[in-house]
Amino acid sequence: MRVVLAEDSVLLREGLVWVLRSAGIEVVAAVADADGLLRAVDEHVPDLVVTDVRMPPSHTDEGLRAALVLRRQRPNMSILVLSQYVEERYATQLLSSTTSGIGYLLKDRVADVPEFLDALRRVAAGGTALDPEVVAQLLLRRHSDPLDRLTRREREVLALIAEGRSNTGIAETLVISESAVGKHINNIFAKLDLPGAEADHRRVLAVLRFLKVG
């Protein structure tokens, strides 16, 4: 896996480079701003981009805007966004077209190295990794919509799907059987009126409905 990393904090950037290389991941470029990120991607065409949201010069949303540009230019490129805080608008923007190969994690999550690397590999493989705090905040803003049809357990399962968990991972987290997870997922598909399709595609549609972007 070849990665381009964009982070303006020298300490965090170097720490991430060390973590990734220690895990056998090739960091082809590590840059400090959004312009450097765009240039590095053009030069190296990596498998995955890992970028901060807030970078110079204004330290507002330069990294996120660069990620959106890359998503439009290279829709098959996987992108993992790191943020200091839960910024719902940015997460929704990034996920507005598809959840394939997309991640949005809080920087605190990097401290749990195995979990961070698992999320990174999941995104690089075309999956999804949403921080649990992001998922929690998105749940809080729900009002009257098809999601209200879901039971508490089904909402928990859908939240874990949005985080990018597999059926096995969901079963382990909720301490239930994989067959029970499968039944909950089928109920979710039915209650959200999702059309018959491949299971993986319906999982994406369910996440988009959950985020109110689909």
N, C-alpha and C. Protein backbone atom coordinates (compact mmCIF):
# COMPACT_ATOMS: atom_id res chain seq x y z
N MET A 1 0.84 -1.20 0.00
CA MET A 1 0.00 0.00 0.00
C MET A 1 0.87 1.25 0.00
N ARG A 2 0.56 2.19 -0.89
CA ARG A 2 1.31 3.44 -1.00
C ARG A 2 0.44 4.59 -0.50
N VAL A 3 0.98 5.38 0.43
CA VAL A 3 0.19 6.41 1.10
C VAL A 3 0.84 7.78 0.95
N VAL A 4 -0.01 8.79 0.71
CA VAL A 4 0.40 10.19 0.82
C VAL A 4 -0.25 10.74 2.08
N LEU A 5 0.56 11.36 2.93
CA LEU A 5 0.09 11.87 4.22
C LEU A 5 0.19 13.39 4.24
N ALA A 6 -0.89 14.05 4.70
CA ALA A 6 -0.88 15.51 4.83
C ALA A 6 -1.29 15.89 6.25
N GLU A 7 -0.37 16.52 6.97
CA GLU A 7 -0.60 16.93 8.37
C GLU A 7 0.36 18.06 8.70
N ASP A 8 -0.17 19.21 9.19
CA ASP A 8 0.71 20.35 9.40
C ASP A 8 1.51 20.28 10.69
N SER A 9 1.07 19.49 11.67
CA SER A 9 1.83 19.34 12.91
C SER A 9 3.01 18.41 12.65
N VAL A 10 4.21 18.94 12.84
CA VAL A 10 5.42 18.15 12.55
C VAL A 10 5.46 16.89 13.40
N LEU A 11 5.16 17.04 14.69
CA LEU A 11 5.23 15.88 15.60
C LEU A 11 4.25 14.79 15.18
N LEU A 12 3.00 15.19 14.90
CA LEU A 12 2.01 14.19 14.52
C LEU A 12 2.34 13.59 13.16
N ARG A 13 2.79 14.44 12.24
CA ARG A 13 3.14 13.94 10.90
C ARG A 13 4.25 12.90 10.98
N GLU A 14 5.31 13.22 11.71
CA GLU A 14 6.42 12.28 11.82
C GLU A 14 6.00 11.03 12.58
N GLY A 15 5.12 11.21 13.59
CA GLY A 15 4.63 10.06 14.33
C GLY A 15 3.81 9.13 13.45
N LEU A 16 2.97 9.71 12.61
CA LEU A 16 2.17 8.90 11.69
C LEU A 16 3.05 8.18 10.67
N VAL A 17 4.05 8.87 10.17
CA VAL A 17 4.97 8.24 9.23
C VAL A 17 5.63 7.03 9.87
N TRP A 18 6.06 7.20 11.11
CA TRP A 18 6.72 6.09 11.83
C TRP A 18 5.76 4.93 12.03
N VAL A 19 4.53 5.22 12.44
CA VAL A 19 3.52 4.18 12.67
C VAL A 19 3.25 3.41 11.38
N LEU A 20 3.05 4.14 10.29
CA LEU A 20 2.71 3.49 9.03
C LEU A 20 3.88 2.64 8.51
N ARG A 21 5.07 3.20 8.55
CA ARG A 21 6.22 2.44 8.05
C ARG A 21 6.52 1.24 8.93
N SER A 22 6.30 1.37 10.23
CA SER A 22 6.51 0.23 11.13
C SER A 22 5.54 -0.90 10.82
N ALA A 23 4.38 -0.54 10.25
CA ALA A 23 3.38 -1.55 9.90
C ALA A 23 3.59 -2.07 8.47
N GLY A 24 4.69 -1.68 7.84
CA GLY A 24 4.98 -2.16 6.49
C GLY A 24 4.26 -1.40 5.39
N ILE A 25 3.77 -0.20 5.72
CA ILE A 25 3.05 0.62 4.74
C ILE A 25 4.01 1.67 4.17
N GLU A 26 4.03 1.80 2.86
CA GLU A 26 4.95 2.73 2.21
C GLU A 26 4.37 4.14 2.19
N VAL A 27 5.04 5.07 2.86
CA VAL A 27 4.64 6.49 2.82
C VAL A 27 5.47 7.15 1.73
N VAL A 28 4.83 7.45 0.60
CA VAL A 28 5.57 7.98 -0.55
C VAL A 28 5.78 9.48 -0.44
N ALA A 29 4.96 10.16 0.39
CA ALA A 29 5.13 11.60 0.61
C ALA A 29 4.42 11.98 1.89
N ALA A 30 5.03 12.92 2.63
CA ALA A 30 4.43 13.46 3.85
C ALA A 30 4.55 14.97 3.77
N VAL A 31 3.42 15.67 3.66
CA VAL A 31 3.43 17.11 3.39
C VAL A 31 2.69 17.86 4.49
N ALA A 32 2.83 19.20 4.46
CA ALA A 32 2.32 20.02 5.56
C ALA A 32 1.13 20.89 5.17
N ASP A 33 0.72 20.89 3.89
CA ASP A 33 -0.41 21.75 3.51
C ASP A 33 -1.17 21.15 2.34
N ALA A 34 -2.31 21.75 2.04
CA ALA A 34 -3.20 21.19 1.02
C ALA A 34 -2.59 21.25 -0.39
N ASP A 35 -1.89 22.34 -0.69
CA ASP A 35 -1.26 22.43 -2.01
C ASP A 35 -0.22 21.33 -2.19
N GLY A 36 0.55 21.09 -1.13
CA GLY A 36 1.54 20.01 -1.18
C GLY A 36 0.87 18.66 -1.35
N LEU A 37 -0.31 18.49 -0.72
CA LEU A 37 -1.05 17.24 -0.87
C LEU A 37 -1.46 17.01 -2.31
N LEU A 38 -2.03 18.02 -2.94
CA LEU A 38 -2.48 17.87 -4.33
C LEU A 38 -1.31 17.57 -5.27
N ARG A 39 -0.18 18.26 -5.02
CA ARG A 39 1.00 18.00 -5.86
C ARG A 39 1.53 16.59 -5.65
N ALA A 40 1.56 16.15 -4.41
CA ALA A 40 2.09 14.82 -4.09
C ALA A 40 1.23 13.72 -4.70
N VAL A 41 -0.09 13.92 -4.68
CA VAL A 41 -0.98 12.93 -5.27
C VAL A 41 -0.78 12.86 -6.78
N ASP A 42 -0.65 14.02 -7.42
CA ASP A 42 -0.40 14.04 -8.86
C ASP A 42 0.90 13.32 -9.20
N GLU A 43 1.90 13.50 -8.35
CA GLU A 43 3.22 12.91 -8.63
C GLU A 43 3.25 11.41 -8.35
N HIS A 44 2.64 10.98 -7.24
CA HIS A 44 2.81 9.59 -6.80
C HIS A 44 1.60 8.70 -7.05
N VAL A 45 0.42 9.27 -7.26
CA VAL A 45 -0.82 8.51 -7.45
C VAL A 45 -0.89 7.37 -6.43
N PRO A 46 -1.07 7.68 -5.15
CA PRO A 46 -1.05 6.66 -4.10
C PRO A 46 -2.32 5.83 -4.06
N ASP A 47 -2.29 4.78 -3.27
CA ASP A 47 -3.48 3.96 -3.05
C ASP A 47 -4.41 4.64 -2.03
N LEU A 48 -3.81 5.39 -1.12
CA LEU A 48 -4.57 6.00 -0.04
C LEU A 48 -4.01 7.37 0.31
N VAL A 49 -4.91 8.32 0.59
CA VAL A 49 -4.53 9.63 1.10
C VAL A 49 -5.01 9.74 2.54
N VAL A 50 -4.12 10.16 3.43
CA VAL A 50 -4.48 10.44 4.83
C VAL A 50 -4.26 11.93 5.04
N THR A 51 -5.32 12.66 5.38
CA THR A 51 -5.18 14.11 5.48
C THR A 51 -5.90 14.69 6.68
N ASP A 52 -5.30 15.71 7.25
CA ASP A 52 -5.94 16.51 8.29
C ASP A 52 -7.02 17.38 7.64
N VAL A 53 -8.01 17.81 8.43
CA VAL A 53 -9.03 18.74 7.91
C VAL A 53 -8.49 20.16 7.86
N ARG A 54 -7.89 20.60 8.96
CA ARG A 54 -7.46 22.00 9.09
C ARG A 54 -5.95 22.12 8.87
N MET A 55 -5.59 22.87 7.83
CA MET A 55 -4.18 23.05 7.51
C MET A 55 -3.94 24.49 7.07
N PRO A 56 -2.67 24.90 6.93
CA PRO A 56 -2.37 26.27 6.50
C PRO A 56 -2.97 26.54 5.12
N PRO A 57 -3.23 27.84 4.81
CA PRO A 57 -2.85 29.01 5.62
C PRO A 57 -3.90 29.43 6.66
N SER A 58 -5.17 29.10 6.44
CA SER A 58 -6.21 29.62 7.35
C SER A 58 -6.53 28.67 8.49
N HIS A 59 -6.07 27.41 8.38
CA HIS A 59 -6.34 26.40 9.41
C HIS A 59 -7.85 26.23 9.64
N THR A 60 -8.61 26.24 8.54
CA THR A 60 -10.05 25.99 8.65
C THR A 60 -10.39 24.66 7.98
N ASP A 61 -10.54 24.65 6.66
CA ASP A 61 -10.96 23.42 6.00
C ASP A 61 -10.14 23.08 4.75
N GLU A 62 -8.90 23.60 4.68
CA GLU A 62 -8.09 23.36 3.48
C GLU A 62 -7.91 21.87 3.16
N GLY A 63 -7.66 21.08 4.19
CA GLY A 63 -7.44 19.65 3.96
C GLY A 63 -8.69 18.96 3.46
N LEU A 64 -9.83 19.33 4.03
CA LEU A 64 -11.09 18.74 3.59
C LEU A 64 -11.41 19.14 2.15
N ARG A 65 -11.19 20.42 1.81
CA ARG A 65 -11.47 20.86 0.45
C ARG A 65 -10.55 20.15 -0.55
N ALA A 66 -9.30 19.93 -0.15
CA ALA A 66 -8.38 19.18 -1.02
C ALA A 66 -8.87 17.74 -1.20
N ALA A 67 -9.38 17.15 -0.11
CA ALA A 67 -9.90 15.79 -0.20
C ALA A 67 -11.09 15.72 -1.14
N LEU A 68 -11.95 16.73 -1.11
CA LEU A 68 -13.11 16.76 -2.00
C LEU A 68 -12.68 16.91 -3.46
N VAL A 69 -11.64 17.73 -3.69
CA VAL A 69 -11.10 17.87 -5.04
C VAL A 69 -10.57 16.52 -5.53
N LEU A 70 -9.82 15.85 -4.68
CA LEU A 70 -9.25 14.55 -5.06
C LEU A 70 -10.35 13.52 -5.31
N ARG A 71 -11.41 13.59 -4.51
CA ARG A 71 -12.52 12.65 -4.68
C ARG A 71 -13.19 12.84 -6.03
N ARG A 72 -13.31 14.10 -6.47
CA ARG A 72 -13.91 14.37 -7.78
C ARG A 72 -12.97 13.94 -8.90
N GLN A 73 -11.67 14.23 -8.74
CA GLN A 73 -10.70 13.93 -9.80
C GLN A 73 -10.39 12.45 -9.89
N ARG A 74 -10.33 11.81 -8.73
CA ARG A 74 -9.93 10.40 -8.67
C ARG A 74 -10.92 9.63 -7.79
N PRO A 75 -12.12 9.35 -8.30
CA PRO A 75 -13.17 8.75 -7.48
C PRO A 75 -12.82 7.38 -6.91
N ASN A 76 -11.82 6.72 -7.49
CA ASN A 76 -11.45 5.40 -6.99
C ASN A 76 -10.33 5.46 -5.94
N MET A 77 -9.84 6.66 -5.67
CA MET A 77 -8.77 6.79 -4.68
C MET A 77 -9.36 6.80 -3.27
N SER A 78 -8.78 6.02 -2.38
CA SER A 78 -9.27 5.95 -1.00
C SER A 78 -8.73 7.13 -0.19
N ILE A 79 -9.58 7.68 0.68
CA ILE A 79 -9.22 8.87 1.45
C ILE A 79 -9.62 8.68 2.90
N LEU A 80 -8.68 8.90 3.80
CA LEU A 80 -8.95 8.86 5.24
C LEU A 80 -8.68 10.24 5.81
N VAL A 81 -9.72 10.88 6.33
CA VAL A 81 -9.62 12.23 6.90
C VAL A 81 -9.47 12.14 8.41
N LEU A 82 -8.55 12.93 8.94
CA LEU A 82 -8.35 13.02 10.39
C LEU A 82 -8.78 14.40 10.86
N SER A 83 -9.49 14.45 11.99
CA SER A 83 -9.97 15.73 12.50
C SER A 83 -9.79 15.78 14.01
N GLN A 84 -9.56 16.98 14.52
CA GLN A 84 -9.41 17.14 15.97
C GLN A 84 -10.75 17.02 16.68
N TYR A 85 -11.81 17.47 15.99
CA TYR A 85 -13.15 17.48 16.58
C TYR A 85 -14.15 16.85 15.62
N VAL A 86 -15.33 16.54 16.14
CA VAL A 86 -16.40 16.05 15.28
C VAL A 86 -16.97 17.24 14.50
N GLU A 87 -16.78 17.22 13.19
CA GLU A 87 -17.27 18.30 12.34
C GLU A 87 -18.22 17.68 11.33
N GLU A 88 -19.49 17.61 11.75
CA GLU A 88 -20.51 16.88 11.02
C GLU A 88 -20.63 17.31 9.56
N ARG A 89 -20.56 18.62 9.32
CA ARG A 89 -20.72 19.13 7.96
C ARG A 89 -19.66 18.55 7.04
N TYR A 90 -18.42 18.45 7.54
CA TYR A 90 -17.35 17.91 6.72
C TYR A 90 -17.56 16.43 6.43
N ALA A 91 -17.96 15.68 7.44
CA ALA A 91 -18.20 14.25 7.24
C ALA A 91 -19.29 14.04 6.19
N THR A 92 -20.36 14.82 6.28
CA THR A 92 -21.46 14.67 5.34
C THR A 92 -21.04 15.05 3.93
N GLN A 93 -20.24 16.13 3.80
CA GLN A 93 -19.75 16.53 2.48
C GLN A 93 -18.93 15.42 1.85
N LEU A 94 -18.05 14.85 2.62
CA LEU A 94 -17.16 13.83 2.09
C LEU A 94 -17.92 12.58 1.66
N LEU A 95 -19.01 12.30 2.35
CA LEU A 95 -19.78 11.10 2.07
C LEU A 95 -20.97 11.35 1.16
N SER A 96 -21.01 12.53 0.53
CA SER A 96 -22.20 12.92 -0.22
C SER A 96 -22.42 12.09 -1.48
N SER A 97 -21.38 11.44 -2.01
CA SER A 97 -21.56 10.68 -3.23
C SER A 97 -21.50 9.18 -3.01
N THR A 98 -20.58 8.74 -2.17
CA THR A 98 -20.42 7.31 -1.91
C THR A 98 -19.63 7.11 -0.64
N THR A 99 -19.79 5.94 -0.03
CA THR A 99 -19.01 5.63 1.17
C THR A 99 -17.86 4.68 0.85
N SER A 100 -17.65 4.38 -0.41
CA SER A 100 -16.59 3.45 -0.79
C SER A 100 -15.22 4.10 -0.64
N GLY A 101 -14.33 3.45 0.12
CA GLY A 101 -12.97 3.95 0.26
C GLY A 101 -12.89 5.28 0.96
N ILE A 102 -13.72 5.48 2.00
CA ILE A 102 -13.76 6.75 2.72
C ILE A 102 -13.69 6.51 4.23
N GLY A 103 -12.90 7.35 4.91
CA GLY A 103 -12.85 7.28 6.36
C GLY A 103 -12.82 8.66 6.97
N TYR A 104 -13.39 8.79 8.17
CA TYR A 104 -13.37 10.06 8.91
C TYR A 104 -13.16 9.70 10.37
N LEU A 105 -11.96 9.95 10.88
CA LEU A 105 -11.60 9.58 12.24
C LEU A 105 -11.15 10.80 13.04
N LEU A 106 -11.41 10.77 14.33
CA LEU A 106 -10.84 11.77 15.21
C LEU A 106 -9.38 11.42 15.48
N LYS A 107 -8.56 12.45 15.68
CA LYS A 107 -7.13 12.22 15.88
C LYS A 107 -6.84 11.40 17.13
N ASP A 108 -7.73 11.48 18.12
CA ASP A 108 -7.53 10.66 19.32
C ASP A 108 -7.49 9.18 18.98
N ARG A 109 -8.17 8.80 17.89
CA ARG A 109 -8.22 7.40 17.50
C ARG A 109 -6.84 6.88 17.08
N VAL A 110 -5.95 7.79 16.66
CA VAL A 110 -4.62 7.39 16.24
C VAL A 110 -3.84 6.80 17.40
N ALA A 111 -4.19 7.20 18.63
CA ALA A 111 -3.47 6.70 19.80
C ALA A 111 -3.64 5.19 19.97
N ASP A 112 -4.76 4.65 19.51
CA ASP A 112 -4.97 3.21 19.51
C ASP A 112 -4.45 2.69 18.18
N VAL A 113 -3.17 2.37 18.14
CA VAL A 113 -2.51 2.06 16.87
C VAL A 113 -3.15 0.89 16.13
N PRO A 114 -3.41 -0.25 16.79
CA PRO A 114 -4.04 -1.36 16.05
C PRO A 114 -5.39 -0.97 15.45
N GLU A 115 -6.20 -0.23 16.21
CA GLU A 115 -7.52 0.19 15.68
C GLU A 115 -7.35 1.15 14.51
N PHE A 116 -6.39 2.07 14.63
CA PHE A 116 -6.15 3.02 13.55
C PHE A 116 -5.70 2.30 12.29
N LEU A 117 -4.76 1.36 12.43
CA LEU A 117 -4.27 0.63 11.26
C LEU A 117 -5.36 -0.23 10.64
N ASP A 118 -6.22 -0.79 11.49
CA ASP A 118 -7.33 -1.58 10.97
C ASP A 118 -8.26 -0.70 10.13
N ALA A 119 -8.58 0.49 10.65
CA ALA A 119 -9.44 1.43 9.91
C ALA A 119 -8.77 1.85 8.61
N LEU A 120 -7.49 2.14 8.67
CA LEU A 120 -6.75 2.58 7.49
C LEU A 120 -6.78 1.50 6.40
N ARG A 121 -6.52 0.27 6.78
CA ARG A 121 -6.52 -0.83 5.80
C ARG A 121 -7.92 -1.06 5.24
N ARG A 122 -8.93 -0.88 6.08
CA ARG A 122 -10.31 -1.06 5.65
C ARG A 122 -10.66 -0.03 4.57
N VAL A 123 -10.26 1.21 4.79
CA VAL A 123 -10.53 2.27 3.82
C VAL A 123 -9.75 2.02 2.54
N ALA A 124 -8.48 1.65 2.68
CA ALA A 124 -7.65 1.38 1.49
C ALA A 124 -8.22 0.26 0.64
N ALA A 125 -8.92 -0.68 1.29
CA ALA A 125 -9.50 -1.81 0.56
C ALA A 125 -10.87 -1.46 -0.03
N GLY A 126 -11.29 -0.20 0.12
CA GLY A 126 -12.56 0.22 -0.45
C GLY A 126 -13.71 0.26 0.52
N GLY A 127 -13.41 0.05 1.81
CA GLY A 127 -14.45 0.06 2.83
C GLY A 127 -14.64 1.43 3.45
N THR A 128 -15.31 1.45 4.59
CA THR A 128 -15.64 2.68 5.29
C THR A 128 -15.14 2.62 6.72
N ALA A 129 -14.71 3.76 7.24
CA ALA A 129 -14.31 3.86 8.65
C ALA A 129 -14.77 5.21 9.19
N LEU A 130 -15.85 5.20 9.94
CA LEU A 130 -16.34 6.43 10.56
C LEU A 130 -16.10 6.34 12.06
N ASP A 131 -15.60 7.44 12.63
CA ASP A 131 -15.36 7.47 14.05
C ASP A 131 -16.67 7.30 14.81
N PRO A 132 -16.69 6.50 15.88
CA PRO A 132 -17.91 6.33 16.67
C PRO A 132 -18.51 7.65 17.16
N GLU A 133 -17.67 8.64 17.45
CA GLU A 133 -18.19 9.93 17.89
C GLU A 133 -18.94 10.65 16.78
N VAL A 134 -18.45 10.50 15.55
CA VAL A 134 -19.15 11.08 14.41
C VAL A 134 -20.50 10.41 14.24
N VAL A 135 -20.51 9.09 14.33
CA VAL A 135 -21.75 8.33 14.21
C VAL A 135 -22.74 8.75 15.30
N ALA A 136 -22.25 8.90 16.53
CA ALA A 136 -23.12 9.27 17.64
C ALA A 136 -23.77 10.63 17.40
N GLN A 137 -22.99 11.60 16.91
CA GLN A 137 -23.55 12.94 16.68
C GLN A 137 -24.57 12.93 15.54
N LEU A 138 -24.31 12.11 14.52
CA LEU A 138 -25.26 12.01 13.43
C LEU A 138 -26.57 11.38 13.90
N LEU A 139 -26.47 10.44 14.82
CA LEU A 139 -27.67 9.82 15.38
C LEU A 139 -28.49 10.83 16.16
N LEU A 140 -27.83 11.71 16.89
CA LEU A 140 -28.52 12.66 17.75
C LEU A 140 -29.39 13.63 16.96
N ARG A 141 -29.00 13.91 15.70
CA ARG A 141 -29.76 14.92 14.95
C ARG A 141 -30.91 14.31 14.16
N ARG A 142 -31.16 13.00 14.33
CA ARG A 142 -32.24 12.36 13.59
C ARG A 142 -33.61 12.72 14.19
N HIS A 143 -34.57 12.97 13.34
CA HIS A 143 -35.93 13.23 13.81
C HIS A 143 -36.87 12.26 13.09
N SER A 144 -37.86 12.76 12.43
CA SER A 144 -38.85 11.89 11.81
C SER A 144 -38.39 11.48 10.41
N ASP A 145 -38.01 10.23 10.28
CA ASP A 145 -37.64 9.68 8.99
C ASP A 145 -37.68 8.17 9.09
N PRO A 146 -37.41 7.45 8.00
CA PRO A 146 -37.49 5.99 8.04
C PRO A 146 -36.63 5.34 9.12
N LEU A 147 -35.57 6.03 9.55
CA LEU A 147 -34.72 5.46 10.60
C LEU A 147 -35.49 5.27 11.90
N ASP A 148 -36.59 6.02 12.07
CA ASP A 148 -37.38 5.88 13.29
C ASP A 148 -38.05 4.51 13.38
N ARG A 149 -38.11 3.81 12.26
CA ARG A 149 -38.72 2.48 12.26
C ARG A 149 -37.81 1.44 12.92
N LEU A 150 -36.53 1.76 13.02
CA LEU A 150 -35.57 0.78 13.52
C LEU A 150 -35.65 0.64 15.03
N THR A 151 -35.42 -0.59 15.51
CA THR A 151 -35.31 -0.82 16.94
C THR A 151 -33.97 -0.30 17.44
N ARG A 152 -33.82 -0.25 18.75
CA ARG A 152 -32.55 0.21 19.32
C ARG A 152 -31.40 -0.66 18.83
N ARG A 153 -31.59 -1.97 18.83
CA ARG A 153 -30.52 -2.88 18.39
C ARG A 153 -30.21 -2.69 16.92
N GLU A 154 -31.23 -2.49 16.10
CA GLU A 154 -31.00 -2.28 14.66
C GLU A 154 -30.25 -0.98 14.42
N ARG A 155 -30.52 0.05 15.23
CA ARG A 155 -29.78 1.31 15.09
C ARG A 155 -28.32 1.10 15.50
N GLU A 156 -28.09 0.29 16.51
CA GLU A 156 -26.72 -0.02 16.92
C GLU A 156 -25.98 -0.74 15.80
N VAL A 157 -26.66 -1.69 15.18
CA VAL A 157 -26.04 -2.43 14.06
C VAL A 157 -25.74 -1.48 12.90
N LEU A 158 -26.70 -0.61 12.57
CA LEU A 158 -26.49 0.33 11.47
C LEU A 158 -25.35 1.29 11.77
N ALA A 159 -25.25 1.74 13.02
CA ALA A 159 -24.14 2.62 13.40
C ALA A 159 -22.80 1.92 13.21
N LEU A 160 -22.74 0.64 13.54
CA LEU A 160 -21.49 -0.12 13.37
C LEU A 160 -21.19 -0.37 11.89
N ILE A 161 -22.24 -0.56 11.08
CA ILE A 161 -22.03 -0.66 9.63
C ILE A 161 -21.42 0.64 9.12
N ALA A 162 -21.94 1.78 9.62
CA ALA A 162 -21.41 3.08 9.19
C ALA A 162 -19.96 3.26 9.60
N GLU A 163 -19.56 2.63 10.70
CA GLU A 163 -18.16 2.69 11.11
C GLU A 163 -17.28 1.81 10.24
N GLY A 164 -17.90 0.95 9.42
CA GLY A 164 -17.15 0.09 8.52
C GLY A 164 -16.94 -1.31 9.04
N ARG A 165 -17.68 -1.70 10.08
CA ARG A 165 -17.50 -3.02 10.67
C ARG A 165 -18.10 -4.12 9.80
N SER A 166 -17.45 -5.26 9.77
CA SER A 166 -17.99 -6.43 9.09
C SER A 166 -19.03 -7.09 9.99
N ASN A 167 -19.74 -8.08 9.46
CA ASN A 167 -20.71 -8.81 10.29
C ASN A 167 -20.03 -9.44 11.49
N THR A 168 -18.83 -9.97 11.27
CA THR A 168 -18.09 -10.58 12.38
C THR A 168 -17.73 -9.53 13.43
N GLY A 169 -17.26 -8.37 12.96
CA GLY A 169 -16.91 -7.30 13.88
C GLY A 169 -18.11 -6.80 14.67
N ILE A 170 -19.27 -6.70 14.00
CA ILE A 170 -20.49 -6.27 14.67
C ILE A 170 -20.88 -7.28 15.75
N ALA A 171 -20.81 -8.56 15.38
CA ALA A 171 -21.17 -9.61 16.34
C ALA A 171 -20.27 -9.56 17.57
N GLU A 172 -18.99 -9.36 17.36
CA GLU A 172 -18.05 -9.30 18.48
C GLU A 172 -18.32 -8.08 19.36
N THR A 173 -18.62 -6.94 18.73
CA THR A 173 -18.86 -5.71 19.49
C THR A 173 -20.13 -5.80 20.32
N LEU A 174 -21.19 -6.35 19.75
CA LEU A 174 -22.48 -6.41 20.44
C LEU A 174 -22.67 -7.70 21.23
N VAL A 175 -21.70 -8.61 21.11
CA VAL A 175 -21.74 -9.92 21.80
C VAL A 175 -23.03 -10.66 21.42
N ILE A 176 -23.23 -10.79 20.12
CA ILE A 176 -24.34 -11.57 19.60
C ILE A 176 -23.79 -12.46 18.48
N SER A 177 -24.61 -13.37 17.98
CA SER A 177 -24.15 -14.28 16.93
C SER A 177 -24.15 -13.57 15.57
N GLU A 178 -23.36 -14.12 14.64
CA GLU A 178 -23.35 -13.55 13.29
C GLU A 178 -24.70 -13.73 12.60
N SER A 179 -25.39 -14.84 12.91
CA SER A 179 -26.71 -15.04 12.31
C SER A 179 -27.68 -13.97 12.80
N ALA A 180 -27.56 -13.57 14.08
CA ALA A 180 -28.41 -12.51 14.61
C ALA A 180 -28.10 -11.19 13.91
N VAL A 181 -26.81 -10.96 13.66
CA VAL A 181 -26.42 -9.74 12.94
C VAL A 181 -27.05 -9.74 11.55
N GLY A 182 -26.99 -10.88 10.87
CA GLY A 182 -27.57 -10.98 9.54
C GLY A 182 -29.06 -10.68 9.54
N LYS A 183 -29.77 -11.17 10.57
CA LYS A 183 -31.21 -10.90 10.67
C LYS A 183 -31.48 -9.42 10.90
N HIS A 184 -30.68 -8.81 11.77
CA HIS A 184 -30.85 -7.37 12.02
C HIS A 184 -30.61 -6.57 10.74
N ILE A 185 -29.58 -6.94 9.99
CA ILE A 185 -29.25 -6.22 8.75
C ILE A 185 -30.38 -6.36 7.73
N ASN A 186 -30.93 -7.57 7.61
CA ASN A 186 -32.05 -7.76 6.68
C ASN A 186 -33.26 -6.92 7.10
N ASN A 187 -33.50 -6.83 8.42
CA ASN A 187 -34.59 -5.99 8.91
C ASN A 187 -34.35 -4.52 8.58
N ILE A 188 -33.09 -4.09 8.72
CA ILE A 188 -32.72 -2.71 8.40
C ILE A 188 -33.01 -2.42 6.93
N PHE A 189 -32.57 -3.33 6.05
CA PHE A 189 -32.80 -3.14 4.61
C PHE A 189 -34.30 -3.01 4.33
N ALA A 190 -35.10 -3.86 4.97
CA ALA A 190 -36.54 -3.86 4.72
C ALA A 190 -37.19 -2.58 5.24
N LYS A 191 -36.82 -2.16 6.45
CA LYS A 191 -37.43 -0.99 7.06
C LYS A 191 -37.03 0.32 6.38
N LEU A 192 -35.85 0.32 5.76
CA LEU A 192 -35.40 1.52 5.04
C LEU A 192 -35.83 1.50 3.58
N ASP A 193 -36.62 0.47 3.21
CA ASP A 193 -37.15 0.36 1.84
C ASP A 193 -36.04 0.36 0.80
N LEU A 194 -34.97 -0.36 1.11
CA LEU A 194 -33.86 -0.43 0.16
C LEU A 194 -34.14 -1.49 -0.88
N PRO A 195 -33.85 -1.19 -2.15
CA PRO A 195 -34.16 -2.14 -3.22
C PRO A 195 -33.29 -3.37 -3.13
N GLY A 196 -33.80 -4.45 -3.70
CA GLY A 196 -33.01 -5.68 -3.74
C GLY A 196 -31.76 -5.47 -4.56
N ALA A 197 -30.62 -5.85 -4.00
CA ALA A 197 -29.32 -5.68 -4.68
C ALA A 197 -28.31 -6.52 -3.92
N GLU A 198 -27.07 -6.48 -4.39
CA GLU A 198 -26.03 -7.18 -3.67
C GLU A 198 -25.93 -6.63 -2.26
N ALA A 199 -25.59 -7.50 -1.31
CA ALA A 199 -25.56 -7.10 0.11
C ALA A 199 -24.63 -5.92 0.34
N ASP A 200 -23.44 -5.95 -0.30
CA ASP A 200 -22.47 -4.87 -0.09
C ASP A 200 -23.04 -3.54 -0.57
N HIS A 201 -23.75 -3.55 -1.70
CA HIS A 201 -24.32 -2.32 -2.23
C HIS A 201 -25.41 -1.79 -1.30
N ARG A 202 -26.22 -2.69 -0.77
CA ARG A 202 -27.28 -2.25 0.14
C ARG A 202 -26.71 -1.73 1.45
N ARG A 203 -25.56 -2.25 1.87
CA ARG A 203 -24.91 -1.70 3.06
C ARG A 203 -24.52 -0.25 2.83
N VAL A 204 -23.99 0.04 1.64
CA VAL A 204 -23.63 1.42 1.30
C VAL A 204 -24.87 2.30 1.28
N LEU A 205 -25.95 1.81 0.67
CA LEU A 205 -27.19 2.58 0.62
C LEU A 205 -27.73 2.85 2.03
N ALA A 206 -27.61 1.85 2.90
CA ALA A 206 -28.08 2.02 4.27
C ALA A 206 -27.28 3.09 4.99
N VAL A 207 -25.96 3.10 4.77
CA VAL A 207 -25.12 4.12 5.40
C VAL A 207 -25.47 5.50 4.86
N LEU A 208 -25.69 5.61 3.55
CA LEU A 208 -26.06 6.89 2.97
C LEU A 208 -27.39 7.38 3.53
N ARG A 209 -28.35 6.46 3.70
CA ARG A 209 -29.63 6.84 4.29
C ARG A 209 -29.43 7.29 5.74
N PHE A 210 -28.56 6.56 6.43
CA PHE A 210 -28.24 6.91 7.82
C PHE A 210 -27.66 8.31 7.93
N LEU A 211 -26.84 8.69 6.95
CA LEU A 211 -26.19 10.00 6.95
C LEU A 211 -27.06 11.06 6.26
N LYS A 212 -28.20 10.66 5.77
CA LYS A 212 -29.09 11.58 5.05
C LYS A 212 -28.40 12.25 3.85
N VAL A 213 -27.57 11.48 3.16
CA VAL A 213 -26.94 12.02 1.95
C VAL A 213 -27.31 11.18 0.73
N GLY A 214 -28.07 10.14 0.94
CA GLY A 214 -28.43 9.30 -0.18
C GLY A 214 -29.90 9.37 -0.50
